[in-house]
Amino acid sequence: MNEEKIISTLQKFGKDFQIKCISTLLTDKSFIERISDIIDPTFFESESHQWIVKEIIEYFIDFKELPTPDSFRVKLEKIENKDYYNVVAKELNLVFQKTLSKDLAFIREQFLQFCINQKMKNAIVSSLPLLENGEYEKIRHSIELAMKAGMERNVGHDYMNDIDVRMSVMARNAIKTNWVEIDTVMDGGLAKGELGIIVAPAGIGKSWLLARIGAEAMRQGKNVLHITLELNENYAGLRYDACFTGIDFQNIRNNVDIVKKNIAEIKGKLIIKYFPIKTISPNTIKIHAERLKMLGISIDMIVVDYADILRPANVNKNDNSYQEAGSIYEELRAVAGELQIPIWSASQANRSATDENIVTAGHAADSYRKIMTADFIMSLSRRTADKVSNTARIHIIKNRFGPDGMTFPTRMNAGSGDIRVYADNSPEGVRILNEMSKEENEVKKLKDKWTSHNRNNETDSSD
């Protein structure tokens, strides 16, 4: 028996809507994967649109990728009728222009529902003859298939069949920090959906570390969104200039030509966005990243300077600062997961950490839920002597991807963002540790001398 089929078109929605429907097929691989077996080119009014949709679906089925303008040029050359060629080329140009439309998420939802409804409608119509013959099992099967139409295809990692995927070095597709020692313990860097945190006392250099991480991602050709809640956008940009040139921050404006030359060689893009303290939640960052994507800038990594001064999306008047701080980090981790990009941020350590050689998890201010939520946490410590000698310590507090608890001697010039991390047994690492030890001994001698001086004064005054 031939299955009866009802074809409804998208005519009632108008031409612009239909063009945007086609655009959704060129902007979201997971969407076309869901809709490819329930979409019918005849849903579209014009023959040119039907041709474009047919080519998109066939290309995706053959190559499991979205067609590009170049691949369409090859397909267009096969159209012999010149007038038809011009019409299709014109419509195709409009389709690619609409890929930047801000309402594609809405269009995608409506288009999917239309296709699902068509599938269900045809299942019901084809069941009418079966009903007359009492073939209820076939009716049930037909309706069940229609109800599954457009469902999410990615059900998860198939342990038995996906062994090659998880063994691949690209399984996490991490973005490196370009500090070899850190990347090694992180199994390559921070990957999609993961949250990395830097813990340090105030004024130690958290922002410089974040800028350096962002700059190194850009060197790898990644697009970075840098959210700043303290520094203005231009000031934050100057720090990136320093990272790319090695020129001291205070002298950047005197070396504009060098800055222009160096950043011209950087493959990635940087968008810096300022928001006042406590005026935005992690969800605002998500919306901003999505807005950039609609404008044609796909973000690969987000840097938030810094998470402690965000506000939670849902503020409960009964929540204390501990609960609010924990919620912020959980929401930020959720944003990383939803956008499927890594997020780096920083957290303030409490005042007791200022004079410590190593900042540990116990020094994190406000909420221990920060530690529980993040995937990777490293701390930065710089005592007064370290600031003079341009040395620092980076300690791995938490690491879901490998070992933790180790401390790396570091060269850190907070004037230019030149930060270099070494193994403690490397020649430079040993040299740094010796310098630190020498400085600590000098400071101890000064403290002992000062204590002795005060004790003598107290003795003299008692006489």
Protein backbone atom coordinates (compact mmCIF):
# COMPACT_ATOMS: atom_id res chain seq x y z
CA MET A 1 0.00 0.00 0.00
CA ASN A 2 1.36 3.41 -0.96
CA GLU A 3 1.59 5.78 2.01
CA GLU A 4 -0.62 8.83 1.50
CA LYS A 5 1.28 12.03 2.14
CA ILE A 6 0.05 15.54 2.90
CA ILE A 7 2.42 18.38 2.09
CA SER A 8 1.88 21.73 3.79
CA THR A 9 4.21 24.58 2.92
CA LEU A 10 5.71 27.39 4.95
CA GLN A 11 3.89 29.89 2.74
CA LYS A 12 1.82 31.39 5.57
CA PHE A 13 5.02 32.43 7.37
CA GLY A 14 6.32 34.50 4.45
CA LYS A 15 9.47 34.47 2.34
CA ASP A 16 11.80 36.04 4.92
CA PHE A 17 10.89 33.37 7.46
CA GLN A 18 11.58 30.64 4.89
CA ILE A 19 14.99 32.10 4.08
CA LYS A 20 15.87 32.16 7.78
CA CYS A 21 14.70 28.54 8.11
CA ILE A 22 17.29 27.59 5.51
CA SER A 23 19.87 29.73 7.35
CA THR A 24 19.32 27.67 10.51
CA LEU A 25 20.45 24.61 8.54
CA LEU A 26 23.77 26.33 7.85
CA THR A 27 24.51 27.54 11.39
CA ASP A 28 23.87 24.60 13.69
CA LYS A 29 25.20 21.11 13.01
CA SER A 30 23.23 19.51 15.84
CA PHE A 31 20.01 21.07 14.51
CA ILE A 32 20.37 19.74 10.98
CA GLU A 33 21.20 16.36 12.52
CA ARG A 34 17.85 16.40 14.33
CA ILE A 35 15.80 17.65 11.41
CA SER A 36 17.46 16.01 8.38
CA ASP A 37 15.12 12.99 8.22
CA ILE A 38 11.85 14.91 8.77
CA ILE A 39 12.41 17.94 6.56
CA ASP A 40 11.00 17.88 3.04
CA PRO A 41 12.27 20.42 0.44
CA THR A 42 8.67 20.80 -0.76
CA PHE A 43 7.84 22.54 2.54
CA PHE A 44 9.31 25.60 0.80
CA GLU A 45 7.40 27.56 -1.82
CA SER A 46 10.03 28.44 -4.40
CA GLU A 47 11.92 25.98 -6.53
CA SER A 48 15.19 27.75 -5.75
CA HIS A 49 14.69 27.28 -2.00
CA GLN A 50 13.83 23.63 -2.56
CA TRP A 51 17.07 23.19 -4.52
CA ILE A 52 19.14 24.80 -1.73
CA VAL A 53 17.53 22.69 1.02
CA LYS A 54 18.01 19.49 -1.00
CA GLU A 55 21.70 20.27 -1.51
CA ILE A 56 22.22 21.07 2.19
CA ILE A 57 20.65 17.79 3.33
CA GLU A 58 22.54 15.71 0.75
CA TYR A 59 25.85 17.38 1.65
CA PHE A 60 25.29 16.75 5.35
CA ILE A 61 24.35 13.09 4.80
CA ASP A 62 27.44 12.52 2.64
CA PHE A 63 30.04 14.43 4.68
CA LYS A 64 28.46 14.91 8.15
CA GLU A 65 29.38 18.59 7.90
CA LEU A 66 27.61 21.83 6.97
CA PRO A 67 28.12 23.02 3.39
CA THR A 68 30.24 26.14 2.88
CA PRO A 69 29.90 28.90 0.26
CA ASP A 70 32.75 27.25 -1.66
CA SER A 71 30.96 23.89 -1.79
CA PHE A 72 27.82 25.63 -3.04
CA ARG A 73 29.78 27.33 -5.83
CA VAL A 74 30.72 23.88 -7.13
CA LYS A 75 27.08 22.76 -7.00
CA LEU A 76 25.88 25.95 -8.73
CA GLU A 77 28.19 25.36 -11.68
CA LYS A 78 26.17 22.25 -12.49
CA ILE A 79 23.03 24.32 -13.17
CA GLU A 80 22.88 24.71 -16.94
CA ASN A 81 19.96 27.15 -17.18
CA LYS A 82 21.53 30.60 -16.76
CA ASP A 83 18.34 32.30 -15.55
CA TYR A 84 17.72 29.60 -12.94
CA TYR A 85 21.39 29.79 -11.94
CA ASN A 86 21.06 33.54 -11.27
CA VAL A 87 17.88 33.08 -9.22
CA VAL A 88 19.40 30.33 -7.04
CA ALA A 89 22.65 32.29 -6.58
CA LYS A 90 20.71 35.37 -5.47
CA GLU A 91 18.60 33.39 -2.95
CA LEU A 92 21.66 31.58 -1.66
CA ASN A 93 23.38 34.90 -1.01
CA LEU A 94 20.34 36.02 1.03
CA VAL A 95 20.40 32.76 2.99
CA PHE A 96 24.04 33.28 4.03
CA GLN A 97 23.33 36.92 4.93
CA LYS A 98 20.53 35.80 7.26
CA THR A 99 22.89 33.51 9.20
CA LEU A 100 23.70 36.65 11.27
CA SER A 101 20.05 37.29 12.19
CA LYS A 102 19.37 37.71 15.90
CA ASP A 103 16.15 35.68 15.91
CA LEU A 104 17.51 32.41 14.51
CA ALA A 105 16.97 30.60 17.82
CA PHE A 106 13.26 31.43 17.61
CA ILE A 107 13.10 30.51 13.90
CA ARG A 108 14.84 27.21 14.62
CA GLU A 109 12.27 26.32 17.27
CA GLN A 110 9.30 27.18 15.05
CA PHE A 111 10.76 25.40 12.02
CA LEU A 112 11.43 22.22 14.01
CA GLN A 113 7.90 22.22 15.40
CA PHE A 114 6.48 22.67 11.88
CA CYS A 115 8.43 19.65 10.60
CA ILE A 116 7.39 17.54 13.60
CA ASN A 117 3.74 18.46 13.07
CA GLN A 118 3.99 17.48 9.41
CA LYS A 119 5.45 14.12 10.38
CA MET A 120 2.61 13.49 12.85
CA LYS A 121 -0.05 14.67 10.40
CA ASN A 122 1.18 12.24 7.74
CA ALA A 123 1.36 9.41 10.26
CA ILE A 124 -2.29 9.97 11.18
CA VAL A 125 -3.42 10.18 7.55
CA SER A 126 -1.52 7.02 6.59
CA SER A 127 -3.13 5.21 9.54
CA LEU A 128 -6.72 5.68 8.32
CA PRO A 129 -6.67 2.69 5.90
CA LEU A 130 -4.98 0.63 8.62
CA LEU A 131 -7.79 1.51 11.01
CA GLU A 132 -10.38 0.18 8.57
CA ASN A 133 -8.46 -3.11 8.36
CA GLY A 134 -7.97 -3.34 12.13
CA GLU A 135 -4.14 -3.24 11.83
CA TYR A 136 -3.66 -1.59 15.21
CA GLU A 137 -0.06 -2.70 15.74
CA LYS A 138 1.00 -0.96 12.52
CA ILE A 139 -0.88 2.16 13.60
CA ARG A 140 0.90 2.18 16.95
CA HIS A 141 4.27 1.71 15.27
CA SER A 142 3.60 4.55 12.80
CA ILE A 143 2.54 6.97 15.57
CA GLU A 144 5.52 6.03 17.76
CA LEU A 145 7.92 6.80 14.90
CA ALA A 146 6.24 10.17 14.36
CA MET A 147 6.51 11.01 18.06
CA LYS A 148 10.27 10.37 17.92
CA ALA A 149 10.71 12.79 15.02
CA GLY A 150 13.14 15.62 15.67
CA MET A 151 14.44 14.19 18.93
CA GLU A 152 17.98 14.98 20.10
CA ARG A 153 20.30 12.41 18.50
CA ASN A 154 23.25 12.71 20.86
CA VAL A 155 22.31 10.33 23.68
CA GLY A 156 25.79 10.34 25.18
CA HIS A 157 29.12 8.52 25.00
CA ASP A 158 28.72 4.89 23.88
CA TYR A 159 31.41 3.27 25.99
CA MET A 160 31.82 0.13 23.90
CA ASN A 161 31.67 1.75 20.46
CA ASP A 162 33.36 5.11 21.14
CA ILE A 163 36.70 3.83 22.41
CA ASP A 164 38.64 5.50 19.58
CA VAL A 165 36.96 8.83 20.38
CA ARG A 166 37.93 8.86 24.05
CA MET A 167 41.46 7.61 23.33
CA SER A 168 42.01 10.45 20.87
CA VAL A 169 44.19 13.34 22.01
CA MET A 170 41.36 15.55 20.73
CA ALA A 171 38.79 13.95 23.05
CA ARG A 172 38.79 17.07 25.27
CA ASN A 173 40.03 19.51 22.60
CA ALA A 174 41.61 21.66 25.29
CA ILE A 175 42.95 25.21 24.90
CA LYS A 176 46.51 25.41 26.23
CA THR A 177 47.79 27.96 28.70
CA ASN A 178 51.17 27.59 26.94
CA TRP A 179 52.80 27.04 30.32
CA VAL A 180 54.14 23.56 29.64
CA GLU A 181 54.18 22.48 33.27
CA ILE A 182 50.57 23.59 33.83
CA ASP A 183 49.30 22.12 30.54
CA THR A 184 50.96 18.80 31.37
CA VAL A 185 49.16 18.35 34.69
CA MET A 186 45.90 19.58 33.08
CA ASP A 187 46.11 16.98 30.29
CA GLY A 188 46.48 19.70 27.67
CA GLY A 189 44.66 22.71 29.12
CA LEU A 190 41.07 23.71 29.80
CA ALA A 191 38.43 22.23 27.47
CA LYS A 192 34.81 22.83 26.46
CA GLY A 193 32.39 23.17 29.36
CA GLU A 194 35.13 23.41 32.00
CA LEU A 195 35.78 26.08 34.65
CA GLY A 196 39.28 27.11 35.72
CA ILE A 197 39.90 29.37 38.72
CA ILE A 198 42.91 31.34 39.97
CA VAL A 199 42.94 31.98 43.73
CA ALA A 200 45.12 34.78 45.09
CA PRO A 201 45.05 37.63 47.64
CA ALA A 202 44.25 41.17 46.50
CA GLY A 203 46.93 42.96 44.50
CA ILE A 204 48.98 39.85 43.76
CA GLY A 205 48.37 39.58 40.01
CA LYS A 206 45.21 37.56 39.32
CA SER A 207 44.20 39.88 36.48
CA TRP A 208 47.62 39.57 34.85
CA LEU A 209 47.40 35.78 34.92
CA LEU A 210 43.94 35.90 33.34
CA ALA A 211 45.11 38.31 30.63
CA ARG A 212 48.08 36.07 29.92
CA ILE A 213 45.83 33.01 29.57
CA GLY A 214 43.56 34.95 27.21
CA ALA A 215 46.52 36.17 25.15
CA GLU A 216 47.95 32.66 24.79
CA ALA A 217 44.55 31.38 23.61
CA MET A 218 44.55 34.10 20.95
CA ARG A 219 48.01 33.00 19.80
CA GLN A 220 46.41 29.62 19.11
CA GLY A 221 43.82 31.27 16.87
CA LYS A 222 41.02 31.24 19.46
CA ASN A 223 38.45 34.00 19.89
CA VAL A 224 38.35 35.28 23.47
CA LEU A 225 35.62 37.19 25.30
CA HIS A 226 37.17 39.04 28.25
CA ILE A 227 34.64 40.26 30.83
CA THR A 228 36.06 42.96 33.09
CA LEU A 229 34.26 44.19 36.20
CA GLU A 230 37.00 46.44 37.61
CA LEU A 231 39.25 47.76 34.84
CA ASN A 232 37.73 49.68 31.96
CA GLU A 233 37.87 48.11 28.49
CA ASN A 234 40.78 50.20 27.21
CA TYR A 235 42.85 49.57 30.33
CA ALA A 236 42.26 45.81 30.06
CA GLY A 237 43.25 46.02 26.39
CA LEU A 238 46.55 47.67 27.31
CA ARG A 239 47.38 44.64 29.45
CA TYR A 240 46.94 42.39 26.45
CA ASP A 241 49.20 44.76 24.50
CA ALA A 242 51.86 44.26 27.18
CA CYS A 243 51.44 40.47 27.04
CA PHE A 244 51.91 40.40 23.26
CA THR A 245 54.89 42.77 23.17
CA GLY A 246 56.69 42.29 26.48
CA ILE A 247 56.75 46.07 26.83
CA ASP A 248 56.14 47.43 30.30
CA PHE A 249 52.51 48.45 30.81
CA GLN A 250 53.46 52.05 31.62
CA ASN A 251 55.30 52.44 28.30
CA ILE A 252 52.79 50.82 25.96
CA ARG A 253 51.34 54.11 24.71
CA ASN A 254 54.84 55.19 23.63
CA ASN A 255 55.24 52.14 21.42
CA VAL A 256 52.07 52.09 19.33
CA ASP A 257 53.85 50.96 16.14
CA ILE A 258 55.37 47.93 17.88
CA VAL A 259 51.97 47.00 19.35
CA LYS A 260 50.28 47.24 15.94
CA LYS A 261 52.99 45.09 14.34
CA ASN A 262 52.78 42.39 17.02
CA ILE A 263 49.01 42.08 17.23
CA ALA A 264 48.73 41.92 13.44
CA GLU A 265 50.36 38.49 13.70
CA ILE A 266 47.83 37.20 16.26
CA LYS A 267 45.32 34.78 14.74
CA GLY A 268 42.55 34.99 17.34
CA LYS A 269 40.12 37.81 18.13
CA LEU A 270 39.57 39.57 21.46
CA ILE A 271 36.36 41.22 22.63
CA ILE A 272 36.62 43.08 25.94
CA LYS A 273 33.35 43.99 27.64
CA TYR A 274 33.05 46.04 30.81
CA PHE A 275 30.19 45.70 33.30
CA PRO A 276 29.99 47.48 36.67
CA ILE A 277 30.53 45.38 39.81
CA LYS A 278 27.56 43.23 40.92
CA THR A 279 25.35 44.34 38.01
CA ILE A 280 25.50 41.14 35.96
CA SER A 281 25.08 37.42 36.54
CA PRO A 282 26.80 34.55 34.69
CA ASN A 283 23.68 34.35 32.51
CA THR A 284 24.37 37.88 31.22
CA ILE A 285 27.76 36.66 30.04
CA LYS A 286 26.08 33.76 28.24
CA ILE A 287 23.67 36.13 26.49
CA HIS A 288 26.54 38.40 25.43
CA ALA A 289 28.48 35.45 23.97
CA GLU A 290 25.37 34.34 22.06
CA ARG A 291 24.88 37.89 20.76
CA LEU A 292 28.45 37.90 19.45
CA LYS A 293 27.82 34.59 17.69
CA MET A 294 24.81 36.10 15.94
CA LEU A 295 27.08 38.92 14.78
CA GLY A 296 29.48 36.38 13.29
CA ILE A 297 32.03 36.19 16.13
CA SER A 298 32.08 32.69 17.60
CA ILE A 299 33.70 32.73 21.05
CA ASP A 300 36.13 29.90 21.92
CA MET A 301 36.98 30.93 25.49
CA ILE A 302 35.68 33.35 28.14
CA VAL A 303 37.80 35.13 30.75
CA VAL A 304 35.94 36.69 33.68
CA ASP A 305 37.86 39.17 35.83
CA TYR A 306 36.57 38.18 38.27
CA ALA A 307 33.75 35.86 39.42
CA ASP A 308 33.52 37.03 43.04
CA ILE A 309 32.08 40.37 41.95
CA LEU A 310 29.35 38.92 39.74
CA ARG A 311 25.90 38.51 41.23
CA PRO A 312 23.83 35.31 41.24
CA ALA A 313 21.00 35.13 38.70
CA ASN A 314 18.41 34.27 41.34
CA VAL A 315 18.85 36.42 44.41
CA ASN A 316 17.14 35.13 47.53
CA LYS A 317 16.83 37.71 50.30
CA ASN A 318 17.50 34.96 52.83
CA ASP A 319 20.80 33.94 51.21
CA ASN A 320 24.01 34.94 52.96
CA SER A 321 27.28 35.82 51.20
CA TYR A 322 28.47 32.20 51.48
CA GLN A 323 25.42 30.91 49.59
CA GLU A 324 25.56 33.69 46.99
CA ALA A 325 29.26 33.09 46.26
CA GLY A 326 28.65 29.38 45.80
CA SER A 327 25.71 30.01 43.48
CA ILE A 328 27.77 32.32 41.26
CA TYR A 329 30.39 29.64 40.60
CA GLU A 330 27.79 26.96 39.97
CA GLU A 331 26.03 29.25 37.47
CA LEU A 332 29.33 30.11 35.78
CA ARG A 333 30.16 26.40 35.43
CA ALA A 334 26.67 25.86 33.95
CA VAL A 335 27.28 28.62 31.37
CA ALA A 336 30.53 26.92 30.34
CA GLY A 337 28.56 23.70 29.85
CA GLU A 338 25.72 25.32 27.91
CA LEU A 339 28.02 27.24 25.58
CA GLN A 340 30.48 24.34 25.41
CA ILE A 341 33.51 26.58 25.85
CA PRO A 342 36.09 26.86 28.67
CA ILE A 343 35.81 29.69 31.19
CA TRP A 344 38.70 31.06 33.25
CA SER A 345 38.11 33.32 36.23
CA ALA A 346 39.64 34.29 39.56
CA SER A 347 38.71 34.28 43.22
CA GLN A 348 39.87 36.39 46.10
CA ALA A 349 41.84 34.66 48.85
CA ASN A 350 41.34 35.83 52.42
CA ARG A 351 43.73 38.22 54.17
CA SER A 352 45.57 35.44 55.99
CA ALA A 353 46.91 34.24 52.63
CA THR A 354 48.88 37.46 52.01
CA ASP A 355 51.95 36.35 53.97
CA GLU A 356 51.79 32.67 53.03
CA ASN A 357 54.34 31.01 50.78
CA ILE A 358 51.61 28.80 49.33
CA VAL A 359 47.91 29.69 49.00
CA THR A 360 45.75 26.60 49.59
CA ALA A 361 42.06 25.73 49.32
CA GLY A 362 41.53 26.83 52.91
CA HIS A 363 42.47 30.39 51.94
CA ALA A 364 39.58 30.77 49.45
CA ALA A 365 37.26 33.52 50.67
CA ASP A 366 33.48 33.24 51.25
CA SER A 367 32.43 29.80 50.03
CA TYR A 368 34.09 26.41 49.74
CA ARG A 369 31.50 25.61 47.04
CA LYS A 370 33.87 27.45 44.68
CA ILE A 371 36.41 24.68 45.22
CA MET A 372 33.79 21.99 44.82
CA THR A 373 32.43 23.44 41.57
CA ALA A 374 35.54 24.33 39.55
CA ASP A 375 37.34 21.75 37.42
CA PHE A 376 40.81 23.21 37.87
CA ILE A 377 42.09 25.59 40.52
CA MET A 378 45.56 27.05 40.89
CA SER A 379 46.73 29.67 43.34
CA LEU A 380 49.22 32.49 42.98
CA SER A 381 51.34 33.71 45.88
CA ARG A 382 53.78 36.65 45.86
CA ARG A 383 55.22 37.98 49.07
CA THR A 384 56.87 41.39 49.31
CA ALA A 385 60.30 39.94 48.52
CA ASP A 386 58.83 38.15 45.47
CA LYS A 387 57.52 41.41 44.07
CA VAL A 388 60.99 42.89 44.28
CA SER A 389 62.69 39.90 42.62
CA ASN A 390 59.88 39.19 40.11
CA THR A 391 59.26 35.71 41.49
CA ALA A 392 56.06 33.88 42.46
CA ARG A 393 54.63 30.47 43.28
CA ILE A 394 51.83 28.74 41.42
CA HIS A 395 50.24 25.93 43.38
CA ILE A 396 47.77 23.37 42.01
CA ILE A 397 44.87 23.22 44.47
CA LYS A 398 42.44 21.05 42.49
CA ASN A 399 42.73 19.17 39.23
CA ARG A 400 40.05 16.93 37.72
CA PHE A 401 42.38 16.01 34.87
CA GLY A 402 45.47 14.82 36.72
CA PRO A 403 47.64 15.29 39.83
CA ASP A 404 47.40 18.24 42.21
CA GLY A 405 49.28 19.51 45.26
CA MET A 406 52.45 20.47 43.39
CA THR A 407 53.98 23.96 43.45
CA PHE A 408 55.80 25.58 40.52
CA PRO A 409 58.40 28.36 40.90
CA THR A 410 57.49 31.22 38.59
CA ARG A 411 59.04 34.29 37.04
CA MET A 412 56.45 37.04 37.06
CA ASN A 413 56.86 40.58 35.82
CA ALA A 414 53.60 42.31 36.73
CA GLY A 415 54.65 45.32 34.69
CA SER A 416 54.58 43.56 31.33
CA GLY A 417 52.60 40.37 31.93
CA ASP A 418 55.71 38.25 31.31
CA ILE A 419 54.90 35.12 33.33
CA ARG A 420 56.95 31.93 33.04
CA VAL A 421 56.32 28.72 34.98
CA TYR A 422 59.05 26.17 35.70
CA ALA A 423 59.42 22.72 37.22
CA ASP A 424 61.04 22.90 40.64
CA ASN A 425 63.91 20.65 39.48
CA SER A 426 64.65 22.57 36.28
CA PRO A 427 67.76 24.83 36.23
CA GLU A 428 65.66 28.02 36.26
CA GLY A 429 63.27 26.54 38.81
CA VAL A 430 66.17 25.75 41.17
CA ARG A 431 67.56 29.26 40.63
CA ILE A 432 64.19 30.83 41.52
CA LEU A 433 63.82 28.69 44.64
CA ASN A 434 67.33 29.69 45.77
CA GLU A 435 66.49 33.36 45.24
CA MET A 436 63.28 32.95 47.25
CA SER A 437 65.14 31.19 50.05
CA LYS A 438 67.77 33.92 50.14
CA GLU A 439 65.15 36.66 50.22
CA GLU A 440 63.24 34.87 52.98
CA ASN A 441 66.41 34.61 55.08
CA GLU A 442 67.09 38.33 54.60
CA VAL A 443 63.54 39.19 55.63
CA LYS A 444 63.84 36.90 58.66
CA LYS A 445 67.08 38.63 59.71
CA LEU A 446 65.39 42.03 59.43
CA LYS A 447 62.43 40.82 61.49
CA ASP A 448 64.74 39.36 64.15
CA LYS A 449 66.74 42.59 64.24
CA TRP A 450 63.56 44.65 64.59
CA THR A 451 62.26 42.37 67.35
CA SER A 452 65.57 42.61 69.20
CA HIS A 453 65.56 46.41 68.83
CA ASN A 454 62.06 46.68 70.30
CA ARG A 455 62.99 44.35 73.17
CA ASN A 456 66.05 46.49 74.03
CA ASN A 457 63.94 49.65 73.96
CA GLU A 458 61.45 48.08 76.33
CA THR A 459 64.34 47.13 78.71
CA ASP A 460 65.78 50.66 78.61
CA SER A 461 62.41 52.24 79.33
CA SER A 462 61.87 49.96 82.32
CA ASP A 463 65.18 51.09 83.78
